[in-house]
Amino acid sequence: MYSFYGTWPWYISGLLIGGIMLLLIYFGKSFGMSSNLRTVCSAFGAGKNVKFFQFDWKSQRWNLVVVLGAMLGGYIATHYLSDGSGVNLNPQTVIELQELNIEPPEGKLLPDAIVGEDALKSPKILAILLFGGLLVGFGTRYGGGCTSGHAISGLSNLQLPSLIAVIGFFIGGLIMSWLLLPLFFN
């Protein structure tokens, strides 16, 4: 049994995401968070200098509402629907983090060893975060979308390029967590 407050089971979230996808497909829309960065840049005038941002951003206003809803939903969930327990990590994940000398996050999403105040003073951590951000940004642009766009919207529309991208995301995640992360933190 689960409580309304705290972390919800995956099948509740999955059902909600599936329902939203059916609505988007019905209205002929496709979901993706990274496309909103292009929309915001275009709205603020980036199209005057860069051709990539020259498009009718007003036709994508509906997607900006999705971003606003995600931020508002996260705020409501954190401040009004939380029981204070935070994210429930698998006990094996906790053990593996400790083996890497990373204290598991308590009540937060990310460990202090990566995003804490002391970590952000470390040139090594800053380099990892900067390089990772560049890879994500490049990959999102080069791959024509982000993980949410491909995995949620692309797969539900049965798009082969999205399946290939999602397989690549998983392979990249496995390489990072099993090969690179231990190199960085041991």
C-alpha atoms as a PDB file:
ATOM      1  CA  MET A   1       0.000   0.000   0.000  1.00  0.00           C
ATOM      2  CA  TYR A   2       1.192   3.529  -0.640  1.00  0.00           C
ATOM      3  CA  SER A   3       0.505   6.917   0.834  1.00  0.00           C
ATOM      4  CA  PHE A   4      -0.651   9.966  -1.079  1.00  0.00           C
ATOM      5  CA  TYR A   5       2.271  11.796   0.546  1.00  0.00           C
ATOM      6  CA  GLY A   6       5.811  10.764  -0.365  1.00  0.00           C
ATOM      7  CA  THR A   7       7.162   8.905  -3.370  1.00  0.00           C
ATOM      8  CA  TRP A   8       4.444   7.448  -5.577  1.00  0.00           C
ATOM      9  CA  PRO A   9       4.800   3.997  -7.138  1.00  0.00           C
ATOM     10  CA  TRP A  10       6.029   3.777 -10.713  1.00  0.00           C
ATOM     11  CA  TYR A  11       2.724   2.433 -12.008  1.00  0.00           C
ATOM     12  CA  ILE A  12       0.834   5.556 -10.911  1.00  0.00           C
ATOM     13  CA  SER A  13       3.336   7.855 -12.605  1.00  0.00           C
ATOM     14  CA  GLY A  14       3.447   5.618 -15.674  1.00  0.00           C
ATOM     15  CA  LEU A  15      -0.320   5.662 -15.989  1.00  0.00           C
ATOM     16  CA  LEU A  16      -0.360   9.470 -15.737  1.00  0.00           C
ATOM     17  CA  ILE A  17       2.411   9.849 -18.331  1.00  0.00           C
ATOM     18  CA  GLY A  18       0.606   7.413 -20.631  1.00  0.00           C
ATOM     19  CA  GLY A  19      -2.614   9.408 -20.304  1.00  0.00           C
ATOM     20  CA  ILE A  20      -0.816  12.643 -21.146  1.00  0.00           C
ATOM     21  CA  MET A  21       0.786  10.982 -24.173  1.00  0.00           C
ATOM     22  CA  LEU A  22      -2.604   9.833 -25.441  1.00  0.00           C
ATOM     23  CA  LEU A  23      -3.888  13.398 -25.141  1.00  0.00           C
ATOM     24  CA  LEU A  24      -0.850  14.793 -26.975  1.00  0.00           C
ATOM     25  CA  ILE A  25      -1.186  12.229 -29.776  1.00  0.00           C
ATOM     26  CA  TYR A  26      -4.898  13.023 -30.038  1.00  0.00           C
ATOM     27  CA  PHE A  27      -4.124  16.731 -30.453  1.00  0.00           C
ATOM     28  CA  GLY A  28      -1.242  16.062 -32.871  1.00  0.00           C
ATOM     29  CA  LYS A  29       1.487  17.290 -30.527  1.00  0.00           C
ATOM     30  CA  SER A  30       4.798  15.698 -29.560  1.00  0.00           C
ATOM     31  CA  PHE A  31       6.411  16.014 -26.174  1.00  0.00           C
ATOM     32  CA  GLY A  32      10.004  16.929 -25.435  1.00  0.00           C
ATOM     33  CA  MET A  33      11.610  19.167 -22.863  1.00  0.00           C
ATOM     34  CA  SER A  34      14.756  20.136 -24.791  1.00  0.00           C
ATOM     35  CA  SER A  35      12.762  21.707 -27.628  1.00  0.00           C
ATOM     36  CA  ASN A  36      11.615  24.288 -25.114  1.00  0.00           C
ATOM     37  CA  LEU A  37      15.158  25.637 -24.839  1.00  0.00           C
ATOM     38  CA  ARG A  38      15.023  26.469 -28.554  1.00  0.00           C
ATOM     39  CA  THR A  39      11.603  28.047 -28.096  1.00  0.00           C
ATOM     40  CA  VAL A  40      12.753  30.209 -25.176  1.00  0.00           C
ATOM     41  CA  CYS A  41      15.902  31.323 -27.005  1.00  0.00           C
ATOM     42  CA  SER A  42      13.834  32.213 -30.066  1.00  0.00           C
ATOM     43  CA  ALA A  43      11.293  34.114 -27.956  1.00  0.00           C
ATOM     44  CA  PHE A  44      14.111  36.189 -26.453  1.00  0.00           C
ATOM     45  CA  GLY A  45      15.420  37.144 -29.896  1.00  0.00           C
ATOM     46  CA  ALA A  46      18.175  34.617 -30.636  1.00  0.00           C
ATOM     47  CA  GLY A  47      16.728  34.221 -34.140  1.00  0.00           C
ATOM     48  CA  LYS A  48      18.129  37.649 -35.036  1.00  0.00           C
ATOM     49  CA  ASN A  49      21.650  36.215 -34.906  1.00  0.00           C
ATOM     50  CA  VAL A  50      21.385  32.429 -35.338  1.00  0.00           C
ATOM     51  CA  LYS A  51      19.457  30.715 -38.115  1.00  0.00           C
ATOM     52  CA  PHE A  52      18.607  27.689 -35.946  1.00  0.00           C
ATOM     53  CA  PHE A  53      16.406  29.914 -33.778  1.00  0.00           C
ATOM     54  CA  GLN A  54      14.507  31.434 -36.710  1.00  0.00           C
ATOM     55  CA  PHE A  55      11.118  29.736 -36.513  1.00  0.00           C
ATOM     56  CA  ASP A  56       7.597  30.498 -35.345  1.00  0.00           C
ATOM     57  CA  TRP A  57       8.145  30.032 -31.613  1.00  0.00           C
ATOM     58  CA  LYS A  58       4.580  31.120 -30.863  1.00  0.00           C
ATOM     59  CA  SER A  59       3.323  27.845 -32.316  1.00  0.00           C
ATOM     60  CA  GLN A  60       5.201  26.115 -29.470  1.00  0.00           C
ATOM     61  CA  ARG A  61       3.731  28.148 -26.609  1.00  0.00           C
ATOM     62  CA  TRP A  62       1.688  25.141 -25.519  1.00  0.00           C
ATOM     63  CA  ASN A  63       4.940  23.269 -24.802  1.00  0.00           C
ATOM     64  CA  LEU A  64       6.150  26.091 -22.564  1.00  0.00           C
ATOM     65  CA  VAL A  65       3.025  25.485 -20.488  1.00  0.00           C
ATOM     66  CA  VAL A  66       4.228  21.880 -20.084  1.00  0.00           C
ATOM     67  CA  VAL A  67       7.537  23.180 -18.668  1.00  0.00           C
ATOM     68  CA  LEU A  68       5.727  25.563 -16.355  1.00  0.00           C
ATOM     69  CA  GLY A  69       3.476  22.704 -15.235  1.00  0.00           C
ATOM     70  CA  ALA A  70       6.504  20.478 -14.552  1.00  0.00           C
ATOM     71  CA  MET A  71       8.102  23.196 -12.416  1.00  0.00           C
ATOM     72  CA  LEU A  72       4.859  23.960 -10.606  1.00  0.00           C
ATOM     73  CA  GLY A  73       4.151  20.253 -10.091  1.00  0.00           C
ATOM     74  CA  GLY A  74       7.632  19.702  -8.663  1.00  0.00           C
ATOM     75  CA  TYR A  75       7.177  22.622  -6.288  1.00  0.00           C
ATOM     76  CA  ILE A  76       3.770  21.387  -5.112  1.00  0.00           C
ATOM     77  CA  ALA A  77       5.033  17.816  -4.708  1.00  0.00           C
ATOM     78  CA  THR A  78       8.073  18.944  -2.718  1.00  0.00           C
ATOM     79  CA  HIS A  79       6.378  21.501  -0.489  1.00  0.00           C
ATOM     80  CA  TYR A  80       2.853  20.155  -0.033  1.00  0.00           C
ATOM     81  CA  LEU A  81       2.788  16.437  -0.879  1.00  0.00           C
ATOM     82  CA  SER A  82       6.059  15.290   0.673  1.00  0.00           C
ATOM     83  CA  ASP A  83       6.262  13.250   3.843  1.00  0.00           C
ATOM     84  CA  GLY A  84       9.909  14.316   4.243  1.00  0.00           C
ATOM     85  CA  SER A  85      11.325  10.875   3.457  1.00  0.00           C
ATOM     86  CA  GLY A  86      12.909  12.009   0.204  1.00  0.00           C
ATOM     87  CA  VAL A  87      13.789   9.570  -2.528  1.00  0.00           C
ATOM     88  CA  ASN A  88      13.793   5.894  -1.575  1.00  0.00           C
ATOM     89  CA  LEU A  89      17.029   4.490  -2.948  1.00  0.00           C
ATOM     90  CA  ASN A  90      17.516   0.787  -3.437  1.00  0.00           C
ATOM     91  CA  PRO A  91      19.716  -0.550  -0.581  1.00  0.00           C
ATOM     92  CA  GLN A  92      22.152  -1.978  -3.162  1.00  0.00           C
ATOM     93  CA  THR A  93      22.512   1.501  -4.689  1.00  0.00           C
ATOM     94  CA  VAL A  94      23.366   2.897  -1.248  1.00  0.00           C
ATOM     95  CA  ILE A  95      26.065   0.231  -0.796  1.00  0.00           C
ATOM     96  CA  GLU A  96      27.538   0.906  -4.235  1.00  0.00           C
ATOM     97  CA  LEU A  97      27.591   4.668  -3.633  1.00  0.00           C
ATOM     98  CA  GLN A  98      29.394   4.125  -0.319  1.00  0.00           C
ATOM     99  CA  GLU A  99      31.956   1.911  -2.087  1.00  0.00           C
ATOM    100  CA  LEU A 100      32.701   4.933  -4.300  1.00  0.00           C
ATOM    101  CA  ASN A 101      33.058   7.135  -1.191  1.00  0.00           C
ATOM    102  CA  ILE A 102      29.823   8.925  -2.044  1.00  0.00           C
ATOM    103  CA  GLU A 103      27.411   9.464   0.801  1.00  0.00           C
ATOM    104  CA  PRO A 104      23.895   8.728  -0.441  1.00  0.00           C
ATOM    105  CA  PRO A 105      21.599  11.737  -0.629  1.00  0.00           C
ATOM    106  CA  GLU A 106      19.321  12.066   2.355  1.00  0.00           C
ATOM    107  CA  GLY A 107      16.065  13.744   1.442  1.00  0.00           C
ATOM    108  CA  LYS A 108      17.539  15.054  -1.824  1.00  0.00           C
ATOM    109  CA  LEU A 109      17.856  13.816  -5.373  1.00  0.00           C
ATOM    110  CA  LEU A 110      21.611  14.232  -5.838  1.00  0.00           C
ATOM    111  CA  PRO A 111      24.504  13.437  -3.491  1.00  0.00           C
ATOM    112  CA  ASP A 112      26.568  16.243  -2.004  1.00  0.00           C
ATOM    113  CA  ALA A 113      29.711  14.598  -3.421  1.00  0.00           C
ATOM    114  CA  ILE A 114      28.538  15.744  -6.852  1.00  0.00           C
ATOM    115  CA  VAL A 115      26.534  18.922  -6.297  1.00  0.00           C
ATOM    116  CA  GLY A 116      27.243  19.959  -2.717  1.00  0.00           C
ATOM    117  CA  GLU A 117      28.896  23.247  -1.825  1.00  0.00           C
ATOM    118  CA  ASP A 118      32.301  21.622  -1.254  1.00  0.00           C
ATOM    119  CA  ALA A 119      32.041  19.531  -4.428  1.00  0.00           C
ATOM    120  CA  LEU A 120      31.401  22.616  -6.553  1.00  0.00           C
ATOM    121  CA  LYS A 121      34.708  24.058  -5.307  1.00  0.00           C
ATOM    122  CA  SER A 122      36.555  21.061  -6.747  1.00  0.00           C
ATOM    123  CA  PRO A 123      38.036  21.575 -10.228  1.00  0.00           C
ATOM    124  CA  LYS A 124      37.570  17.849 -10.907  1.00  0.00           C
ATOM    125  CA  ILE A 125      33.841  17.926 -10.121  1.00  0.00           C
ATOM    126  CA  LEU A 126      33.346  21.174 -12.051  1.00  0.00           C
ATOM    127  CA  ALA A 127      35.125  19.644 -15.064  1.00  0.00           C
ATOM    128  CA  ILE A 128      32.951  16.517 -14.874  1.00  0.00           C
ATOM    129  CA  LEU A 129      29.750  18.578 -14.657  1.00  0.00           C
ATOM    130  CA  LEU A 130      30.820  20.940 -17.457  1.00  0.00           C
ATOM    131  CA  PHE A 131      31.903  18.125 -19.774  1.00  0.00           C
ATOM    132  CA  GLY A 132      28.741  16.155 -18.970  1.00  0.00           C
ATOM    133  CA  GLY A 133      26.584  19.214 -19.676  1.00  0.00           C
ATOM    134  CA  LEU A 134      28.316  19.764 -23.016  1.00  0.00           C
ATOM    135  CA  LEU A 135      27.783  16.124 -23.961  1.00  0.00           C
ATOM    136  CA  VAL A 136      24.106  16.303 -23.023  1.00  0.00           C
ATOM    137  CA  GLY A 137      23.632  19.556 -24.953  1.00  0.00           C
ATOM    138  CA  PHE A 138      25.476  18.273 -28.015  1.00  0.00           C
ATOM    139  CA  GLY A 139      23.714  14.908 -27.887  1.00  0.00           C
ATOM    140  CA  THR A 140      20.311  16.520 -27.539  1.00  0.00           C
ATOM    141  CA  ARG A 141      20.885  18.721 -30.569  1.00  0.00           C
ATOM    142  CA  TYR A 142      22.610  16.056 -32.656  1.00  0.00           C
ATOM    143  CA  GLY A 143      20.081  13.361 -31.745  1.00  0.00           C
ATOM    144  CA  GLY A 144      17.084  15.579 -32.408  1.00  0.00           C
ATOM    145  CA  GLY A 145      15.734  15.447 -28.878  1.00  0.00           C
ATOM    146  CA  CYS A 146      16.307  14.557 -25.261  1.00  0.00           C
ATOM    147  CA  THR A 147      15.616  11.451 -23.211  1.00  0.00           C
ATOM    148  CA  SER A 148      12.052  12.473 -22.421  1.00  0.00           C
ATOM    149  CA  GLY A 149      11.243  13.360 -26.005  1.00  0.00           C
ATOM    150  CA  HIS A 150      12.633  10.143 -27.463  1.00  0.00           C
ATOM    151  CA  ALA A 151      11.735   7.727 -24.667  1.00  0.00           C
ATOM    152  CA  ILE A 152       8.254   9.015 -23.971  1.00  0.00           C
ATOM    153  CA  SER A 153       6.999  10.710 -27.115  1.00  0.00           C
ATOM    154  CA  GLY A 154       9.111   9.037 -29.786  1.00  0.00           C
ATOM    155  CA  LEU A 155       8.569   5.491 -28.553  1.00  0.00           C
ATOM    156  CA  SER A 156       4.847   6.013 -28.088  1.00  0.00           C
ATOM    157  CA  ASN A 157       4.726   7.150 -31.732  1.00  0.00           C
ATOM    158  CA  LEU A 158       6.675   4.004 -32.733  1.00  0.00           C
ATOM    159  CA  GLN A 159       9.581   5.984 -34.215  1.00  0.00           C
ATOM    160  CA  LEU A 160      12.629   3.832 -35.003  1.00  0.00           C
ATOM    161  CA  PRO A 161      15.127   6.720 -34.491  1.00  0.00           C
ATOM    162  CA  SER A 162      13.740   7.161 -30.965  1.00  0.00           C
ATOM    163  CA  LEU A 163      14.217   3.457 -30.227  1.00  0.00           C
ATOM    164  CA  ILE A 164      17.821   3.710 -31.403  1.00  0.00           C
ATOM    165  CA  ALA A 165      18.334   6.839 -29.297  1.00  0.00           C
ATOM    166  CA  VAL A 166      16.853   5.206 -26.180  1.00  0.00           C
ATOM    167  CA  ILE A 167      19.103   2.169 -26.617  1.00  0.00           C
ATOM    168  CA  GLY A 168      22.026   4.610 -26.874  1.00  0.00           C
ATOM    169  CA  PHE A 169      20.908   6.387 -23.684  1.00  0.00           C
ATOM    170  CA  PHE A 170      20.891   3.104 -21.800  1.00  0.00           C
ATOM    171  CA  ILE A 171      24.284   2.055 -23.148  1.00  0.00           C
ATOM    172  CA  GLY A 172      25.714   5.475 -22.230  1.00  0.00           C
ATOM    173  CA  GLY A 173      24.204   5.248 -18.749  1.00  0.00           C
ATOM    174  CA  LEU A 174      25.670   1.785 -18.214  1.00  0.00           C
ATOM    175  CA  ILE A 175      29.114   2.934 -19.380  1.00  0.00           C
ATOM    176  CA  MET A 176      28.934   5.938 -17.061  1.00  0.00           C
ATOM    177  CA  SER A 177      27.763   4.073 -13.972  1.00  0.00           C
ATOM    178  CA  TRP A 178      29.861   0.917 -14.349  1.00  0.00           C
ATOM    179  CA  LEU A 179      33.063   2.217 -15.947  1.00  0.00           C
ATOM    180  CA  LEU A 180      33.508   5.983 -15.677  1.00  0.00           C
ATOM    181  CA  LEU A 181      31.949   6.816 -12.304  1.00  0.00           C
ATOM    182  CA  PRO A 182      34.243   4.393 -10.433  1.00  0.00           C
ATOM    183  CA  LEU A 183      37.237   5.982 -12.224  1.00  0.00           C
ATOM    184  CA  PHE A 184      36.179   9.460 -11.164  1.00  0.00           C
ATOM    185  CA  PHE A 185      35.397   8.706  -7.521  1.00  0.00           C
ATOM    186  CA  ASN A 186      37.902   6.011  -6.513  1.00  0.00           C
END
